[in-house]
Protein backbone atom coordinates (compact mmCIF):
# COMPACT_ATOMS: atom_id res chain seq x y z
CA MET A 1 -24.80 -30.58 -66.60
CA GLY A 2 -23.42 -32.71 -69.44
CA LYS A 3 -20.13 -34.44 -69.40
CA THR A 4 -17.51 -32.80 -71.59
CA ILE A 5 -15.90 -35.20 -74.04
CA LYS A 6 -12.26 -34.50 -74.59
CA GLN A 7 -11.15 -34.99 -78.18
CA VAL A 8 -7.67 -35.78 -79.45
CA PRO A 9 -6.54 -34.90 -83.00
CA ALA A 10 -5.22 -37.59 -85.28
CA ALA A 11 -1.60 -36.29 -85.20
CA ARG A 12 -1.51 -36.48 -81.40
CA ILE A 13 -3.10 -39.95 -81.42
CA ALA A 14 -0.38 -41.10 -83.76
CA SER A 15 2.32 -39.72 -81.43
CA GLU A 16 0.81 -41.23 -78.34
CA LEU A 17 0.22 -44.67 -79.81
CA GLY A 18 3.47 -44.85 -81.85
CA VAL A 19 1.67 -45.19 -85.17
CA SER A 20 1.40 -43.07 -88.27
CA ARG A 21 -1.32 -40.45 -88.67
CA ASP A 22 -2.82 -42.52 -91.48
CA THR A 23 -2.99 -45.53 -89.15
CA ALA A 24 -4.63 -43.46 -86.45
CA ILE A 25 -7.28 -42.32 -88.95
CA ARG A 26 -7.91 -45.92 -90.11
CA MET A 27 -8.32 -46.91 -86.45
CA ILE A 28 -11.11 -44.33 -86.19
CA GLN A 29 -12.71 -45.43 -89.44
CA ARG A 30 -12.62 -49.10 -88.41
CA GLY A 31 -14.18 -48.27 -85.01
CA GLU A 32 -11.10 -49.26 -82.94
CA LEU A 33 -11.08 -45.67 -81.68
CA GLU A 34 -14.25 -43.76 -80.91
CA GLY A 35 -14.13 -40.65 -83.07
CA GLU A 36 -15.18 -38.80 -86.12
CA GLN A 37 -14.14 -36.53 -88.92
CA THR A 38 -15.11 -32.85 -88.75
CA LEU A 39 -14.50 -31.09 -92.04
CA THR A 40 -10.90 -32.11 -92.77
CA ARG A 41 -9.76 -33.12 -89.27
CA TRP A 42 -10.08 -36.48 -87.55
CA TRP A 43 -10.64 -36.72 -83.80
CA ALA A 44 -11.02 -39.49 -81.26
CA THR A 45 -12.15 -39.41 -77.66
CA ARG A 46 -9.47 -39.25 -74.98
CA GLU A 47 -11.03 -42.26 -73.31
CA SER A 48 -10.75 -44.47 -76.40
CA VAL A 49 -7.19 -43.36 -77.10
CA ASP A 50 -6.17 -44.16 -73.48
CA ARG A 51 -7.88 -47.60 -73.76
CA VAL A 52 -6.14 -48.52 -76.99
CA ARG A 53 -2.77 -47.21 -75.69
CA ILE A 54 -3.02 -49.56 -72.70
CA GLU A 55 -3.97 -52.48 -74.96
CA LEU A 56 -1.07 -51.76 -77.35
CA GLU A 57 1.39 -51.48 -74.46
CA ALA A 58 0.23 -54.85 -73.14
CA GLU A 59 0.62 -56.49 -76.54
CA ARG A 60 4.10 -55.04 -77.02
CA GLU A 61 5.19 -56.26 -73.61
CA ALA A 62 3.83 -59.69 -74.31
CA GLU A 63 5.73 -59.83 -77.57
CA ALA A 64 8.97 -58.75 -75.84
CA VAL A 65 8.85 -61.72 -73.49
């Protein structure tokens, strides 16, 4: 049986990462998030969103020090 890939829409990505929807889409286009466009919607994998969220949190904590 294949592994189900959970996809997250761009608006939710933006909310979770604290960025704009346009920035979330650019992150997918640049390959920072693993995802794709289907018709008019942009999606990224849950795994890649979680990875980037952890990276961004670490960067923000480092800047706060």
